[in-house]
Amino acid sequence: MRPDPLSTRVRLLHMVEACNRAQAFIEDRERADLEKDEMLRLALQYLVLTLGEAAKHIPQETQLLAPTIPWRAMAASRDRMAHGYFDINLDMLWAMASMDIPTLREGLNRLLEQDGAV
């Protein structure tokens, strides 16, 4: 197996950027927009995939520094979305984007601000 070329800090920064993009994409939007706007739906799906994939590569010791971040749930959401791409629950996708991701971004930023953590 090849070594991971990305540092933990870079992956966490990718996660923050995915959160920022999701928040920007849903600004001034509502749940019904997911039904009408395929680009919005696909963008949010991709960002959830990105968050979950990055979360899978965050070392256990770093995860333990931020126990309120749902590391396993993000990875599971990624797997569900990737393998169940044909049956995405848009209510859950909207809830992730509008409620879970803002909280996640706060937790990631706190983790990144910890001295010497990553």
C-alpha atoms as a PDB file:
ATOM      1  CA  MET A   1       0.000   0.000   0.000  1.00  0.00           C
ATOM      2  CA  ARG A   2       1.336   3.421  -0.919  1.00  0.00           C
ATOM      3  CA  PRO A   3       1.755   6.028   1.820  1.00  0.00           C
ATOM      4  CA  ASP A   4      -0.892   8.744   2.002  1.00  0.00           C
ATOM      5  CA  PRO A   5       0.507  11.794   0.153  1.00  0.00           C
ATOM      6  CA  LEU A   6      -1.829  14.209   1.971  1.00  0.00           C
ATOM      7  CA  SER A   7      -1.197  15.336   5.500  1.00  0.00           C
ATOM      8  CA  THR A   8      -3.914  15.223   8.120  1.00  0.00           C
ATOM      9  CA  ARG A   9      -3.994  19.017   8.201  1.00  0.00           C
ATOM     10  CA  VAL A  10      -4.515  19.203   4.425  1.00  0.00           C
ATOM     11  CA  ARG A  11      -7.376  16.702   4.622  1.00  0.00           C
ATOM     12  CA  LEU A  12      -8.994  18.695   7.444  1.00  0.00           C
ATOM     13  CA  LEU A  13      -8.657  21.848   5.350  1.00  0.00           C
ATOM     14  CA  HIS A  14     -10.301  20.034   2.427  1.00  0.00           C
ATOM     15  CA  MET A  15     -13.153  19.158   4.764  1.00  0.00           C
ATOM     16  CA  VAL A  16     -13.561  22.783   5.876  1.00  0.00           C
ATOM     17  CA  GLU A  17     -13.586  23.872   2.245  1.00  0.00           C
ATOM     18  CA  ALA A  18     -16.284  21.289   1.442  1.00  0.00           C
ATOM     19  CA  CYS A  19     -18.348  22.662   4.343  1.00  0.00           C
ATOM     20  CA  ASN A  20     -17.859  26.219   3.102  1.00  0.00           C
ATOM     21  CA  ARG A  21     -18.955  25.280  -0.407  1.00  0.00           C
ATOM     22  CA  ALA A  22     -22.041  23.431   0.827  1.00  0.00           C
ATOM     23  CA  GLN A  23     -23.034  26.453   2.908  1.00  0.00           C
ATOM     24  CA  ALA A  24     -22.532  28.778  -0.049  1.00  0.00           C
ATOM     25  CA  PHE A  25     -24.539  26.512  -2.358  1.00  0.00           C
ATOM     26  CA  ILE A  26     -27.586  26.403  -0.079  1.00  0.00           C
ATOM     27  CA  GLU A  27     -27.574  30.086   0.837  1.00  0.00           C
ATOM     28  CA  ASP A  28     -30.995  31.573   0.027  1.00  0.00           C
ATOM     29  CA  ARG A  29     -32.220  28.080  -0.969  1.00  0.00           C
ATOM     30  CA  GLU A  30     -34.778  25.730   0.510  1.00  0.00           C
ATOM     31  CA  ARG A  31     -35.333  21.985   0.606  1.00  0.00           C
ATOM     32  CA  ALA A  32     -37.650  22.068  -2.439  1.00  0.00           C
ATOM     33  CA  ASP A  33     -34.754  23.327  -4.559  1.00  0.00           C
ATOM     34  CA  LEU A  34     -33.184  19.859  -4.406  1.00  0.00           C
ATOM     35  CA  GLU A  35     -36.141  18.519  -6.391  1.00  0.00           C
ATOM     36  CA  LYS A  36     -35.783  21.152  -9.117  1.00  0.00           C
ATOM     37  CA  ASP A  37     -32.058  21.815  -9.302  1.00  0.00           C
ATOM     38  CA  GLU A  38     -30.005  18.814 -10.328  1.00  0.00           C
ATOM     39  CA  MET A  39     -26.724  20.739 -10.155  1.00  0.00           C
ATOM     40  CA  LEU A  40     -27.410  21.705  -6.531  1.00  0.00           C
ATOM     41  CA  ARG A  41     -28.323  18.111  -5.661  1.00  0.00           C
ATOM     42  CA  LEU A  42     -25.248  16.665  -7.359  1.00  0.00           C
ATOM     43  CA  ALA A  43     -22.961  19.303  -5.833  1.00  0.00           C
ATOM     44  CA  LEU A  44     -24.174  18.530  -2.320  1.00  0.00           C
ATOM     45  CA  GLN A  45     -23.858  14.796  -2.936  1.00  0.00           C
ATOM     46  CA  TYR A  46     -20.282  15.290  -4.095  1.00  0.00           C
ATOM     47  CA  LEU A  47     -19.429  17.392  -1.053  1.00  0.00           C
ATOM     48  CA  VAL A  48     -20.846  14.748   1.299  1.00  0.00           C
ATOM     49  CA  LEU A  49     -18.735  12.163  -0.544  1.00  0.00           C
ATOM     50  CA  THR A  50     -15.683  14.399  -0.133  1.00  0.00           C
ATOM     51  CA  LEU A  51     -16.296  14.849   3.594  1.00  0.00           C
ATOM     52  CA  GLY A  52     -16.722  11.130   4.156  1.00  0.00           C
ATOM     53  CA  GLU A  53     -13.712  10.126   2.119  1.00  0.00           C
ATOM     54  CA  ALA A  54     -11.494  12.650   3.887  1.00  0.00           C
ATOM     55  CA  ALA A  55     -12.852  11.531   7.280  1.00  0.00           C
ATOM     56  CA  LYS A  56     -11.790   7.960   6.523  1.00  0.00           C
ATOM     57  CA  HIS A  57      -8.172   9.144   6.267  1.00  0.00           C
ATOM     58  CA  ILE A  58      -8.030  11.123   9.506  1.00  0.00           C
ATOM     59  CA  PRO A  59      -5.910   9.138  11.982  1.00  0.00           C
ATOM     60  CA  GLN A  60      -7.547   7.783  15.121  1.00  0.00           C
ATOM     61  CA  GLU A  61      -5.346   9.920  17.370  1.00  0.00           C
ATOM     62  CA  THR A  62      -6.600  13.065  15.623  1.00  0.00           C
ATOM     63  CA  GLN A  63     -10.204  11.881  15.760  1.00  0.00           C
ATOM     64  CA  LEU A  64      -9.865  11.439  19.521  1.00  0.00           C
ATOM     65  CA  LEU A  65      -8.977  15.145  19.834  1.00  0.00           C
ATOM     66  CA  ALA A  66     -12.433  16.001  18.485  1.00  0.00           C
ATOM     67  CA  PRO A  67     -14.853  13.376  19.804  1.00  0.00           C
ATOM     68  CA  THR A  68     -17.931  15.466  18.950  1.00  0.00           C
ATOM     69  CA  ILE A  69     -17.172  15.228  15.225  1.00  0.00           C
ATOM     70  CA  PRO A  70     -19.121  12.280  13.769  1.00  0.00           C
ATOM     71  CA  TRP A  71     -16.173  10.672  11.953  1.00  0.00           C
ATOM     72  CA  ARG A  72     -17.775   7.265  11.449  1.00  0.00           C
ATOM     73  CA  ALA A  73     -21.139   8.728  10.464  1.00  0.00           C
ATOM     74  CA  MET A  74     -19.469  10.833   7.770  1.00  0.00           C
ATOM     75  CA  ALA A  75     -17.709   7.785   6.377  1.00  0.00           C
ATOM     76  CA  ALA A  76     -20.959   5.807   6.473  1.00  0.00           C
ATOM     77  CA  SER A  77     -22.818   8.624   4.691  1.00  0.00           C
ATOM     78  CA  ARG A  78     -20.148   8.614   2.018  1.00  0.00           C
ATOM     79  CA  ASP A  79     -20.485   4.868   1.530  1.00  0.00           C
ATOM     80  CA  ARG A  80     -24.279   5.030   1.460  1.00  0.00           C
ATOM     81  CA  MET A  81     -24.231   7.832  -1.101  1.00  0.00           C
ATOM     82  CA  ALA A  82     -21.589   6.185  -3.285  1.00  0.00           C
ATOM     83  CA  HIS A  83     -23.136   2.736  -3.282  1.00  0.00           C
ATOM     84  CA  GLY A  84     -26.772   3.818  -3.087  1.00  0.00           C
ATOM     85  CA  TYR A  85     -26.409   6.652  -5.608  1.00  0.00           C
ATOM     86  CA  PHE A  86     -29.692   5.602  -7.239  1.00  0.00           C
ATOM     87  CA  ASP A  87     -31.737   6.170  -4.076  1.00  0.00           C
ATOM     88  CA  ILE A  88     -30.589   9.335  -2.298  1.00  0.00           C
ATOM     89  CA  ASN A  89     -32.877  10.573   0.472  1.00  0.00           C
ATOM     90  CA  LEU A  90     -33.147  14.276  -0.325  1.00  0.00           C
ATOM     91  CA  ASP A  91     -34.552  15.107   3.117  1.00  0.00           C
ATOM     92  CA  MET A  92     -31.419  13.633   4.683  1.00  0.00           C
ATOM     93  CA  LEU A  93     -29.184  15.400   2.178  1.00  0.00           C
ATOM     94  CA  TRP A  94     -30.825  18.739   2.986  1.00  0.00           C
ATOM     95  CA  ALA A  95     -30.564  18.089   6.732  1.00  0.00           C
ATOM     96  CA  MET A  96     -26.859  17.326   6.341  1.00  0.00           C
ATOM     97  CA  ALA A  97     -26.245  20.485   4.330  1.00  0.00           C
ATOM     98  CA  SER A  98     -28.374  22.837   6.394  1.00  0.00           C
ATOM     99  CA  MET A  99     -27.876  21.519   9.939  1.00  0.00           C
ATOM    100  CA  ASP A 100     -25.013  19.035  10.224  1.00  0.00           C
ATOM    101  CA  ILE A 101     -22.417  20.703   8.025  1.00  0.00           C
ATOM    102  CA  PRO A 102     -22.415  24.089   9.844  1.00  0.00           C
ATOM    103  CA  THR A 103     -21.802  22.278  13.148  1.00  0.00           C
ATOM    104  CA  LEU A 104     -19.154  20.101  11.526  1.00  0.00           C
ATOM    105  CA  ARG A 105     -17.351  23.165  10.174  1.00  0.00           C
ATOM    106  CA  GLU A 106     -17.202  24.658  13.670  1.00  0.00           C
ATOM    107  CA  GLY A 107     -15.734  21.446  15.080  1.00  0.00           C
ATOM    108  CA  LEU A 108     -13.167  21.163  12.303  1.00  0.00           C
ATOM    109  CA  ASN A 109     -12.093  24.763  12.793  1.00  0.00           C
ATOM    110  CA  ARG A 110     -11.692  24.197  16.550  1.00  0.00           C
ATOM    111  CA  LEU A 111      -9.571  21.127  15.830  1.00  0.00           C
ATOM    112  CA  LEU A 112      -7.395  23.035  13.381  1.00  0.00           C
ATOM    113  CA  GLU A 113      -6.904  25.832  15.936  1.00  0.00           C
ATOM    114  CA  GLN A 114      -5.634  23.502  18.663  1.00  0.00           C
ATOM    115  CA  ASP A 115      -1.931  24.127  19.214  1.00  0.00           C
ATOM    116  CA  GLY A 116       0.120  21.283  17.804  1.00  0.00           C
ATOM    117  CA  ALA A 117      -2.913  19.052  17.224  1.00  0.00           C
ATOM    118  CA  VAL A 118      -2.435  18.760  13.469  1.00  0.00           C
END
